[in-house]
Amino acid sequence: MPSSKQYGPRYGVKPRRKVDKIFKLKEQSTKCPFCLKHSVKRIAAGIWYCTACNTKFTGGAYTYNPKDFKMEVKEAEFLKEKEEKEEENLLEGFDEEQEVDF
């Protein structure tokens, strides 16, 4: 039974069909990007939670879009590599055996 049956004849056909589509997408089981199990639940709009590995991550409001997550992971990896390069540049001029007086 579609979820828009609760509205009866009110609001028209097109809005009720849109509501049905959204609720079907929202209730579908989705895979966790970390543990690859079908145990992802929607906590709030855009916030998703995996009950198997206890991780929280962001996604779409009604559906978890793995493309969005892949972009976030790529950005995080890029920033991590950038920080590592900056640390290496700072440590290049520093000699570990050198004595430092304070």
PDB file of N, CA and C in Angstrom:
ATOM      1  N   MET A   1       0.838  -1.176   0.000  1.00  0.00           N
ATOM      2  CA  MET A   1       0.000   0.000   0.000  1.00  0.00           C
ATOM      3  C   MET A   1       0.886   1.245   0.000  1.00  0.00           C
ATOM      4  N   PRO A   2       0.681   2.135  -0.965  1.00  0.00           N
ATOM      5  CA  PRO A   2       1.493   3.358  -1.012  1.00  0.00           C
ATOM      6  C   PRO A   2       1.263   4.229   0.208  1.00  0.00           C
ATOM      7  N   SER A   3       2.255   4.961   0.580  1.00  0.00           N
ATOM      8  CA  SER A   3       2.156   5.791   1.774  1.00  0.00           C
ATOM      9  C   SER A   3       1.251   6.998   1.559  1.00  0.00           C
ATOM     10  N   SER A   4       0.947   7.323   0.315  1.00  0.00           N
ATOM     11  CA  SER A   4       0.101   8.489   0.066  1.00  0.00           C
ATOM     12  C   SER A   4      -1.383   8.163   0.189  1.00  0.00           C
ATOM     13  N   LYS A   5      -1.732   6.934   0.477  1.00  0.00           N
ATOM     14  CA  LYS A   5      -3.139   6.570   0.669  1.00  0.00           C
ATOM     15  C   LYS A   5      -3.727   7.309   1.870  1.00  0.00           C
ATOM     16  N   GLN A   6      -2.881   7.691   2.806  1.00  0.00           N
ATOM     17  CA  GLN A   6      -3.368   8.394   3.986  1.00  0.00           C
ATOM     18  C   GLN A   6      -3.945   9.759   3.641  1.00  0.00           C
ATOM     19  N   TYR A   7      -3.570  10.333   2.495  1.00  0.00           N
ATOM     20  CA  TYR A   7      -4.063  11.646   2.107  1.00  0.00           C
ATOM     21  C   TYR A   7      -5.402  11.593   1.378  1.00  0.00           C
ATOM     22  N   GLY A   8      -5.816  10.403   0.937  1.00  0.00           N
ATOM     23  CA  GLY A   8      -7.088  10.264   0.235  1.00  0.00           C
ATOM     24  C   GLY A   8      -7.074  11.032  -1.071  1.00  0.00           C
ATOM     25  N   PRO A   9      -8.169  11.709  -1.404  1.00  0.00           N
ATOM     26  CA  PRO A   9      -8.225  12.448  -2.672  1.00  0.00           C
ATOM     27  C   PRO A   9      -7.611  13.855  -2.580  1.00  0.00           C
ATOM     28  N   ARG A  10      -7.084  14.216  -1.433  1.00  0.00           N
ATOM     29  CA  ARG A  10      -6.564  15.572  -1.264  1.00  0.00           C
ATOM     30  C   ARG A  10      -5.233  15.760  -1.989  1.00  0.00           C
ATOM     31  N   TYR A  11      -4.884  16.984  -2.295  1.00  0.00           N
ATOM     32  CA  TYR A  11      -3.603  17.454  -2.825  1.00  0.00           C
ATOM     33  C   TYR A  11      -3.352  17.094  -4.281  1.00  0.00           C
ATOM     34  N   GLY A  12      -4.103  16.226  -4.904  1.00  0.00           N
ATOM     35  CA  GLY A  12      -3.923  15.897  -6.304  1.00  0.00           C
ATOM     36  C   GLY A  12      -3.047  14.670  -6.504  1.00  0.00           C
ATOM     37  N   VAL A  13      -3.019  14.182  -7.747  1.00  0.00           N
ATOM     38  CA  VAL A  13      -2.327  12.929  -8.064  1.00  0.00           C
ATOM     39  C   VAL A  13      -0.814  13.110  -8.117  1.00  0.00           C
ATOM     40  N   LYS A  14      -0.346  14.164  -8.768  1.00  0.00           N
ATOM     41  CA  LYS A  14       1.102  14.340  -8.952  1.00  0.00           C
ATOM     42  C   LYS A  14       1.857  14.478  -7.622  1.00  0.00           C
ATOM     43  N   PRO A  15       1.407  15.319  -6.710  1.00  0.00           N
ATOM     44  CA  PRO A  15       2.126  15.410  -5.428  1.00  0.00           C
ATOM     45  C   PRO A  15       2.117  14.091  -4.652  1.00  0.00           C
ATOM     46  N   ARG A  16       1.001  13.352  -4.711  1.00  0.00           N
ATOM     47  CA  ARG A  16       0.947  12.078  -3.994  1.00  0.00           C
ATOM     48  C   ARG A  16       1.886  11.055  -4.621  1.00  0.00           C
ATOM     49  N   ARG A  17       2.038  11.081  -5.931  1.00  0.00           N
ATOM     50  CA  ARG A  17       2.991  10.167  -6.594  1.00  0.00           C
ATOM     51  C   ARG A  17       4.433  10.515  -6.207  1.00  0.00           C
ATOM     52  N   LYS A  18       4.712  11.807  -6.128  1.00  0.00           N
ATOM     53  CA  LYS A  18       6.052  12.228  -5.702  1.00  0.00           C
ATOM     54  C   LYS A  18       6.348  11.763  -4.281  1.00  0.00           C
ATOM     55  N   VAL A  19       5.358  11.883  -3.407  1.00  0.00           N
ATOM     56  CA  VAL A  19       5.519  11.440  -2.023  1.00  0.00           C
ATOM     57  C   VAL A  19       5.767   9.932  -1.982  1.00  0.00           C
ATOM     58  N   ASP A  20       5.013   9.169  -2.779  1.00  0.00           N
ATOM     59  CA  ASP A  20       5.215   7.717  -2.840  1.00  0.00           C
ATOM     60  C   ASP A  20       6.637   7.384  -3.256  1.00  0.00           C
ATOM     61  N   LYS A  21       7.122   8.075  -4.278  1.00  0.00           N
ATOM     62  CA  LYS A  21       8.471   7.819  -4.792  1.00  0.00           C
ATOM     63  C   LYS A  21       9.533   8.106  -3.718  1.00  0.00           C
ATOM     64  N   ILE A  22       9.363   9.222  -3.023  1.00  0.00           N
ATOM     65  CA  ILE A  22      10.322   9.600  -1.978  1.00  0.00           C
ATOM     66  C   ILE A  22      10.325   8.578  -0.850  1.00  0.00           C
ATOM     67  N   PHE A  23       9.150   8.160  -0.395  1.00  0.00           N
ATOM     68  CA  PHE A  23       9.085   7.203   0.707  1.00  0.00           C
ATOM     69  C   PHE A  23       9.642   5.840   0.317  1.00  0.00           C
ATOM     70  N   LYS A  24       9.433   5.418  -0.926  1.00  0.00           N
ATOM     71  CA  LYS A  24      10.010   4.151  -1.377  1.00  0.00           C
ATOM     72  C   LYS A  24      11.526   4.216  -1.375  1.00  0.00           C
ATOM     73  N   LEU A  25      12.077   5.325  -1.868  1.00  0.00           N
ATOM     74  CA  LEU A  25      13.535   5.477  -1.876  1.00  0.00           C
ATOM     75  C   LEU A  25      14.089   5.539  -0.459  1.00  0.00           C
ATOM     76  N   LYS A  26      13.368   6.212   0.435  1.00  0.00           N
ATOM     77  CA  LYS A  26      13.837   6.381   1.804  1.00  0.00           C
ATOM     78  C   LYS A  26      13.867   5.057   2.564  1.00  0.00           C
ATOM     79  N   GLU A  27      12.929   4.166   2.256  1.00  0.00           N
ATOM     80  CA  GLU A  27      12.820   2.908   2.987  1.00  0.00           C
ATOM     81  C   GLU A  27      13.652   1.783   2.385  1.00  0.00           C
ATOM     82  N   GLN A  28      14.277   2.008   1.236  1.00  0.00           N
ATOM     83  CA  GLN A  28      15.111   0.975   0.627  1.00  0.00           C
ATOM     84  C   GLN A  28      16.332   0.706   1.494  1.00  0.00           C
ATOM     85  N   SER A  29      16.789  -0.548   1.460  1.00  0.00           N
ATOM     86  CA  SER A  29      18.019  -0.850   2.189  1.00  0.00           C
ATOM     87  C   SER A  29      19.208  -0.425   1.335  1.00  0.00           C
ATOM     88  N   THR A  30      20.207   0.149   1.988  1.00  0.00           N
ATOM     89  CA  THR A  30      21.389   0.620   1.277  1.00  0.00           C
ATOM     90  C   THR A  30      22.639   0.012   1.905  1.00  0.00           C
ATOM     91  N   LYS A  31      23.687  -0.060   1.099  1.00  0.00           N
ATOM     92  CA  LYS A  31      24.950  -0.632   1.563  1.00  0.00           C
ATOM     93  C   LYS A  31      25.786   0.414   2.276  1.00  0.00           C
ATOM     94  N   CYS A  32      26.452  -0.030   3.301  1.00  0.00           N
ATOM     95  CA  CYS A  32      27.392   0.838   4.008  1.00  0.00           C
ATOM     96  C   CYS A  32      28.676   0.926   3.185  1.00  0.00           C
ATOM     97  N   PRO A  33      29.253   2.112   2.997  1.00  0.00           N
ATOM     98  CA  PRO A  33      30.483   2.230   2.220  1.00  0.00           C
ATOM     99  C   PRO A  33      31.705   1.679   2.957  1.00  0.00           C
ATOM    100  N   PHE A  34      31.597   1.472   4.268  1.00  0.00           N
ATOM    101  CA  PHE A  34      32.731   0.985   5.039  1.00  0.00           C
ATOM    102  C   PHE A  34      32.732  -0.538   5.152  1.00  0.00           C
ATOM    103  N   CYS A  35      31.598  -1.128   5.578  1.00  0.00           N
ATOM    104  CA  CYS A  35      31.558  -2.578   5.806  1.00  0.00           C
ATOM    105  C   CYS A  35      30.800  -3.325   4.714  1.00  0.00           C
ATOM    106  N   LEU A  36      30.159  -2.613   3.773  1.00  0.00           N
ATOM    107  CA  LEU A  36      29.440  -3.173   2.633  1.00  0.00           C
ATOM    108  C   LEU A  36      28.287  -4.092   3.033  1.00  0.00           C
ATOM    109  N   LYS A  37      27.678  -3.849   4.183  1.00  0.00           N
ATOM    110  CA  LYS A  37      26.497  -4.591   4.602  1.00  0.00           C
ATOM    111  C   LYS A  37      25.264  -3.722   4.393  1.00  0.00           C
ATOM    112  N   HIS A  38      24.123  -4.356   4.214  1.00  0.00           N
ATOM    113  CA  HIS A  38      22.863  -3.634   4.052  1.00  0.00           C
ATOM    114  C   HIS A  38      22.282  -3.299   5.422  1.00  0.00           C
ATOM    115  N   SER A  39      22.917  -2.399   6.116  1.00  0.00           N
ATOM    116  CA  SER A  39      22.477  -2.072   7.474  1.00  0.00           C
ATOM    117  C   SER A  39      22.484  -0.572   7.734  1.00  0.00           C
ATOM    118  N   VAL A  40      22.279   0.216   6.697  1.00  0.00           N
ATOM    119  CA  VAL A  40      22.311   1.666   6.832  1.00  0.00           C
ATOM    120  C   VAL A  40      20.907   2.177   7.128  1.00  0.00           C
ATOM    121  N   LYS A  41      20.797   3.000   8.151  1.00  0.00           N
ATOM    122  CA  LYS A  41      19.524   3.603   8.551  1.00  0.00           C
ATOM    123  C   LYS A  41      19.642   5.117   8.444  1.00  0.00           C
ATOM    124  N   ARG A  42      18.532   5.775   8.199  1.00  0.00           N
ATOM    125  CA  ARG A  42      18.498   7.229   8.112  1.00  0.00           C
ATOM    126  C   ARG A  42      18.167   7.787   9.486  1.00  0.00           C
ATOM    127  N   ILE A  43      19.048   8.616  10.034  1.00  0.00           N
ATOM    128  CA  ILE A  43      18.813   9.240  11.329  1.00  0.00           C
ATOM    129  C   ILE A  43      18.003  10.522  11.149  1.00  0.00           C
ATOM    130  N   ALA A  44      18.464  11.362  10.262  1.00  0.00           N
ATOM    131  CA  ALA A  44      17.793  12.627   9.959  1.00  0.00           C
ATOM    132  C   ALA A  44      18.064  12.943   8.496  1.00  0.00           C
ATOM    133  N   ALA A  45      17.543  14.058   8.029  1.00  0.00           N
ATOM    134  CA  ALA A  45      17.740  14.431   6.634  1.00  0.00           C
ATOM    135  C   ALA A  45      19.228  14.616   6.359  1.00  0.00           C
ATOM    136  N   GLY A  46      19.798  13.728   5.556  1.00  0.00           N
ATOM    137  CA  GLY A  46      21.196  13.835   5.170  1.00  0.00           C
ATOM    138  C   GLY A  46      22.168  13.140   6.094  1.00  0.00           C
ATOM    139  N   ILE A  47      21.721  12.562   7.199  1.00  0.00           N
ATOM    140  CA  ILE A  47      22.601  11.873   8.139  1.00  0.00           C
ATOM    141  C   ILE A  47      22.225  10.398   8.165  1.00  0.00           C
ATOM    142  N   TRP A  48      23.200   9.545   7.902  1.00  0.00           N
ATOM    143  CA  TRP A  48      22.982   8.104   7.798  1.00  0.00           C
ATOM    144  C   TRP A  48      23.845   7.381   8.812  1.00  0.00           C
ATOM    145  N   TYR A  49      23.371   6.234   9.295  1.00  0.00           N
ATOM    146  CA  TYR A  49      24.042   5.485  10.351  1.00  0.00           C
ATOM    147  C   TYR A  49      24.063   4.005   9.989  1.00  0.00           C
ATOM    148  N   CYS A  50      25.232   3.370  10.102  1.00  0.00           N
ATOM    149  CA  CYS A  50      25.360   1.936   9.861  1.00  0.00           C
ATOM    150  C   CYS A  50      25.303   1.226  11.208  1.00  0.00           C
ATOM    151  N   THR A  51      24.338   0.322  11.356  1.00  0.00           N
ATOM    152  CA  THR A  51      24.182  -0.388  12.614  1.00  0.00           C
ATOM    153  C   THR A  51      25.206  -1.496  12.780  1.00  0.00           C
ATOM    154  N   ALA A  52      25.823  -1.937  11.682  1.00  0.00           N
ATOM    155  CA  ALA A  52      26.794  -3.023  11.767  1.00  0.00           C
ATOM    156  C   ALA A  52      28.156  -2.524  12.264  1.00  0.00           C
ATOM    157  N   CYS A  53      28.642  -1.432  11.684  1.00  0.00           N
ATOM    158  CA  CYS A  53      29.976  -0.950  12.057  1.00  0.00           C
ATOM    159  C   CYS A  53      29.933   0.339  12.880  1.00  0.00           C
ATOM    160  N   ASN A  54      28.742   0.816  13.245  1.00  0.00           N
ATOM    161  CA  ASN A  54      28.548   1.994  14.100  1.00  0.00           C
ATOM    162  C   ASN A  54      29.215   3.252  13.554  1.00  0.00           C
ATOM    163  N   THR A  55      29.061   3.518  12.272  1.00  0.00           N
ATOM    164  CA  THR A  55      29.617   4.727  11.684  1.00  0.00           C
ATOM    165  C   THR A  55      28.494   5.646  11.235  1.00  0.00           C
ATOM    166  N   LYS A  56      28.748   6.948  11.325  1.00  0.00           N
ATOM    167  CA  LYS A  56      27.818   7.955  10.821  1.00  0.00           C
ATOM    168  C   LYS A  56      28.466   8.640   9.631  1.00  0.00           C
ATOM    169  N   PHE A  57      27.669   8.936   8.639  1.00  0.00           N
ATOM    170  CA  PHE A  57      28.182   9.646   7.481  1.00  0.00           C
ATOM    171  C   PHE A  57      27.037  10.417   6.844  1.00  0.00           C
ATOM    172  N   THR A  58      27.386  11.313   5.924  1.00  0.00           N
ATOM    173  CA  THR A  58      26.387  12.155   5.289  1.00  0.00           C
ATOM    174  C   THR A  58      26.036  11.612   3.914  1.00  0.00           C
ATOM    175  N   GLY A  59      24.903  12.029   3.441  1.00  0.00           N
ATOM    176  CA  GLY A  59      24.442  11.628   2.125  1.00  0.00           C
ATOM    177  C   GLY A  59      23.308  12.544   1.708  1.00  0.00           C
ATOM    178  N   GLY A  60      22.437  12.043   0.852  1.00  0.00           N
ATOM    179  CA  GLY A  60      21.292  12.815   0.423  1.00  0.00           C
ATOM    180  C   GLY A  60      20.238  12.866   1.513  1.00  0.00           C
ATOM    181  N   ALA A  61      19.236  13.709   1.307  1.00  0.00           N
ATOM    182  CA  ALA A  61      18.191  13.875   2.314  1.00  0.00           C
ATOM    183  C   ALA A  61      17.324  12.634   2.428  1.00  0.00           C
ATOM    184  N   TYR A  62      16.925  12.067   1.311  1.00  0.00           N
ATOM    185  CA  TYR A  62      16.030  10.912   1.342  1.00  0.00           C
ATOM    186  C   TYR A  62      16.704   9.632   0.909  1.00  0.00           C
ATOM    187  N   THR A  63      17.766   9.741   0.141  1.00  0.00           N
ATOM    188  CA  THR A  63      18.497   8.552  -0.309  1.00  0.00           C
ATOM    189  C   THR A  63      19.976   8.779  -0.059  1.00  0.00           C
ATOM    190  N   TYR A  64      20.646   7.715   0.282  1.00  0.00           N
ATOM    191  CA  TYR A  64      22.090   7.807   0.443  1.00  0.00           C
ATOM    192  C   TYR A  64      22.710   7.661  -0.933  1.00  0.00           C
ATOM    193  N   ASN A  65      23.447   8.649  -1.366  1.00  0.00           N
ATOM    194  CA  ASN A  65      24.059   8.635  -2.688  1.00  0.00           C
ATOM    195  C   ASN A  65      25.539   8.328  -2.538  1.00  0.00           C
ATOM    196  N   PRO A  66      25.992   7.134  -2.967  1.00  0.00           N
ATOM    197  CA  PRO A  66      27.398   6.790  -2.808  1.00  0.00           C
ATOM    198  C   PRO A  66      28.337   7.699  -3.590  1.00  0.00           C
ATOM    199  N   LYS A  67      27.850   8.352  -4.641  1.00  0.00           N
ATOM    200  CA  LYS A  67      28.703   9.272  -5.399  1.00  0.00           C
ATOM    201  C   LYS A  67      29.132  10.439  -4.521  1.00  0.00           C
ATOM    202  N   ASP A  68      28.204  10.955  -3.710  1.00  0.00           N
ATOM    203  CA  ASP A  68      28.536  12.048  -2.794  1.00  0.00           C
ATOM    204  C   ASP A  68      29.611  11.610  -1.813  1.00  0.00           C
ATOM    205  N   PHE A  69      29.475  10.385  -1.296  1.00  0.00           N
ATOM    206  CA  PHE A  69      30.433   9.884  -0.328  1.00  0.00           C
ATOM    207  C   PHE A  69      31.812   9.729  -0.965  1.00  0.00           C
ATOM    208  N   LYS A  70      31.860   9.221  -2.203  1.00  0.00           N
ATOM    209  CA  LYS A  70      33.146   9.053  -2.876  1.00  0.00           C
ATOM    210  C   LYS A  70      33.853  10.389  -3.037  1.00  0.00           C
ATOM    211  N   MET A  71      33.099  11.448  -3.329  1.00  0.00           N
ATOM    212  CA  MET A  71      33.708  12.762  -3.460  1.00  0.00           C
ATOM    213  C   MET A  71      34.254  13.232  -2.116  1.00  0.00           C
ATOM    214  N   GLU A  72      33.524  12.981  -1.029  1.00  0.00           N
ATOM    215  CA  GLU A  72      34.002  13.378   0.290  1.00  0.00           C
ATOM    216  C   GLU A  72      35.280  12.632   0.652  1.00  0.00           C
ATOM    217  N   VAL A  73      35.344  11.342   0.323  1.00  0.00           N
ATOM    218  CA  VAL A  73      36.529  10.552   0.623  1.00  0.00           C
ATOM    219  C   VAL A  73      37.711  11.060  -0.180  1.00  0.00           C
ATOM    220  N   LYS A  74      37.502  11.374  -1.447  1.00  0.00           N
ATOM    221  CA  LYS A  74      38.592  11.903  -2.276  1.00  0.00           C
ATOM    222  C   LYS A  74      39.105  13.227  -1.722  1.00  0.00           C
ATOM    223  N   GLU A  75      38.178  14.093  -1.305  1.00  0.00           N
ATOM    224  CA  GLU A  75      38.590  15.373  -0.731  1.00  0.00           C
ATOM    225  C   GLU A  75      39.381  15.163   0.552  1.00  0.00           C
ATOM    226  N   ALA A  76      38.929  14.231   1.398  1.00  0.00           N
ATOM    227  CA  ALA A  76      39.622  13.967   2.649  1.00  0.00           C
ATOM    228  C   ALA A  76      41.016  13.402   2.385  1.00  0.00           C
ATOM    229  N   GLU A  77      41.137  12.499   1.408  1.00  0.00           N
ATOM    230  CA  GLU A  77      42.450  11.940   1.069  1.00  0.00           C
ATOM    231  C   GLU A  77      43.371  13.029   0.541  1.00  0.00           C
ATOM    232  N   PHE A  78      42.843  13.935  -0.294  1.00  0.00           N
ATOM    233  CA  PHE A  78      43.641  15.020  -0.835  1.00  0.00           C
ATOM    234  C   PHE A  78      44.159  15.919   0.284  1.00  0.00           C
ATOM    235  N   LEU A  79      43.278  16.260   1.234  1.00  0.00           N
ATOM    236  CA  LEU A  79      43.691  17.116   2.345  1.00  0.00           C
ATOM    237  C   LEU A  79      44.712  16.421   3.235  1.00  0.00           C
ATOM    238  N   LYS A  80      44.551  15.125   3.429  1.00  0.00           N
ATOM    239  CA  LYS A  80      45.500  14.373   4.249  1.00  0.00           C
ATOM    240  C   LYS A  80      46.875  14.349   3.588  1.00  0.00           C
ATOM    241  N   GLU A  81      46.919  14.100   2.274  1.00  0.00           N
ATOM    242  CA  GLU A  81      48.189  14.107   1.549  1.00  0.00           C
ATOM    243  C   GLU A  81      48.832  15.489   1.610  1.00  0.00           C
ATOM    244  N   LYS A  82      48.018  16.526   1.504  1.00  0.00           N
ATOM    245  CA  LYS A  82      48.534  17.885   1.556  1.00  0.00           C
ATOM    246  C   LYS A  82      49.174  18.172   2.913  1.00  0.00           C
ATOM    247  N   GLU A  83      48.519  17.734   4.002  1.00  0.00           N
ATOM    248  CA  GLU A  83      49.069  17.935   5.344  1.00  0.00           C
ATOM    249  C   GLU A  83      50.366  17.158   5.521  1.00  0.00           C
ATOM    250  N   GLU A  84      50.433  15.932   5.003  1.00  0.00           N
ATOM    251  CA  GLU A  84      51.656  15.127   5.110  1.00  0.00           C
ATOM    252  C   GLU A  84      52.814  15.798   4.381  1.00  0.00           C
ATOM    253  N   LYS A  85      52.547  16.364   3.205  1.00  0.00           N
ATOM    254  CA  LYS A  85      53.600  17.057   2.454  1.00  0.00           C
ATOM    255  C   LYS A  85      54.095  18.276   3.221  1.00  0.00           C
ATOM    256  N   GLU A  86      53.157  19.001   3.849  1.00  0.00           N
ATOM    257  CA  GLU A  86      53.550  20.175   4.625  1.00  0.00           C
ATOM    258  C   GLU A  86      54.412  19.772   5.823  1.00  0.00           C
ATOM    259  N   GLU A  87      54.073  18.657   6.480  1.00  0.00           N
ATOM    260  CA  GLU A  87      54.868  18.178   7.609  1.00  0.00           C
ATOM    261  C   GLU A  87      56.266  17.768   7.154  1.00  0.00           C
ATOM    262  N   GLU A  88      56.362  17.113   5.991  1.00  0.00           N
ATOM    263  CA  GLU A  88      57.664  16.705   5.465  1.00  0.00           C
ATOM    264  C   GLU A  88      58.518  17.930   5.167  1.00  0.00           C
ATOM    265  N   ASN A  89      57.893  18.973   4.620  1.00  0.00           N
ATOM    266  CA  ASN A  89      58.631  20.197   4.307  1.00  0.00           C
ATOM    267  C   ASN A  89      59.141  20.870   5.577  1.00  0.00           C
ATOM    268  N   LEU A  90      58.356  20.805   6.646  1.00  0.00           N
ATOM    269  CA  LEU A  90      58.794  21.403   7.903  1.00  0.00           C
ATOM    270  C   LEU A  90      59.944  20.617   8.528  1.00  0.00           C
ATOM    271  N   LEU A  91      59.926  19.305   8.371  1.00  0.00           N
ATOM    272  CA  LEU A  91      60.931  18.461   8.999  1.00  0.00           C
ATOM    273  C   LEU A  91      62.224  18.354   8.197  1.00  0.00           C
ATOM    274  N   GLU A  92      62.239  18.809   6.949  1.00  0.00           N
ATOM    275  CA  GLU A  92      63.438  18.698   6.115  1.00  0.00           C
ATOM    276  C   GLU A  92      64.620  19.462   6.704  1.00  0.00           C
ATOM    277  N   GLY A  93      64.391  20.638   7.231  1.00  0.00           N
ATOM    278  CA  GLY A  93      65.479  21.456   7.754  1.00  0.00           C
ATOM    279  C   GLY A  93      65.847  21.131   9.190  1.00  0.00           C
ATOM    280  N   PHE A  94      65.191  20.198   9.807  1.00  0.00           N
ATOM    281  CA  PHE A  94      65.412  19.880  11.204  1.00  0.00           C
ATOM    282  C   PHE A  94      66.250  18.614  11.325  1.00  0.00           C
ATOM    283  N   ASP A  95      67.354  18.689  12.081  1.00  0.00           N
ATOM    284  CA  ASP A  95      68.213  17.539  12.313  1.00  0.00           C
ATOM    285  C   ASP A  95      67.887  16.982  13.696  1.00  0.00           C
ATOM    286  N   GLU A  96      67.601  15.686  13.764  1.00  0.00           N
ATOM    287  CA  GLU A  96      67.183  15.086  15.033  1.00  0.00           C
ATOM    288  C   GLU A  96      68.308  15.083  16.072  1.00  0.00           C
ATOM    289  N   GLU A  97      69.555  14.997  15.634  1.00  0.00           N
ATOM    290  CA  GLU A  97      70.691  14.937  16.559  1.00  0.00           C
ATOM    291  C   GLU A  97      71.130  16.326  17.016  1.00  0.00           C
ATOM    292  N   GLN A  98      70.595  17.321  16.388  1.00  0.00           N
ATOM    293  CA  GLN A  98      70.978  18.686  16.702  1.00  0.00           C
ATOM    294  C   GLN A  98      70.449  19.054  18.103  1.00  0.00           C
ATOM    295  N   GLU A  99      71.327  19.671  18.910  1.00  0.00           N
ATOM    296  CA  GLU A  99      70.914  20.094  20.251  1.00  0.00           C
ATOM    297  C   GLU A  99      70.219  21.446  20.171  1.00  0.00           C
ATOM    298  N   VAL A 100      69.179  21.548  20.959  1.00  0.00           N
ATOM    299  CA  VAL A 100      68.417  22.777  20.960  1.00  0.00           C
ATOM    300  C   VAL A 100      68.453  23.337  22.382  1.00  0.00           C
ATOM    301  N   ASP A 101      68.867  24.588  22.530  1.00  0.00           N
ATOM    302  CA  ASP A 101      68.890  25.264  23.825  1.00  0.00           C
ATOM    303  C   ASP A 101      67.662  26.164  23.936  1.00  0.00           C
ATOM    304  N   PHE A 102      67.012  26.065  25.074  1.00  0.00           N
ATOM    305  CA  PHE A 102      65.841  26.900  25.292  1.00  0.00           C
ATOM    306  C   PHE A 102      66.140  27.986  26.274  1.00  0.00           C
TER     307      PHE A 102
END
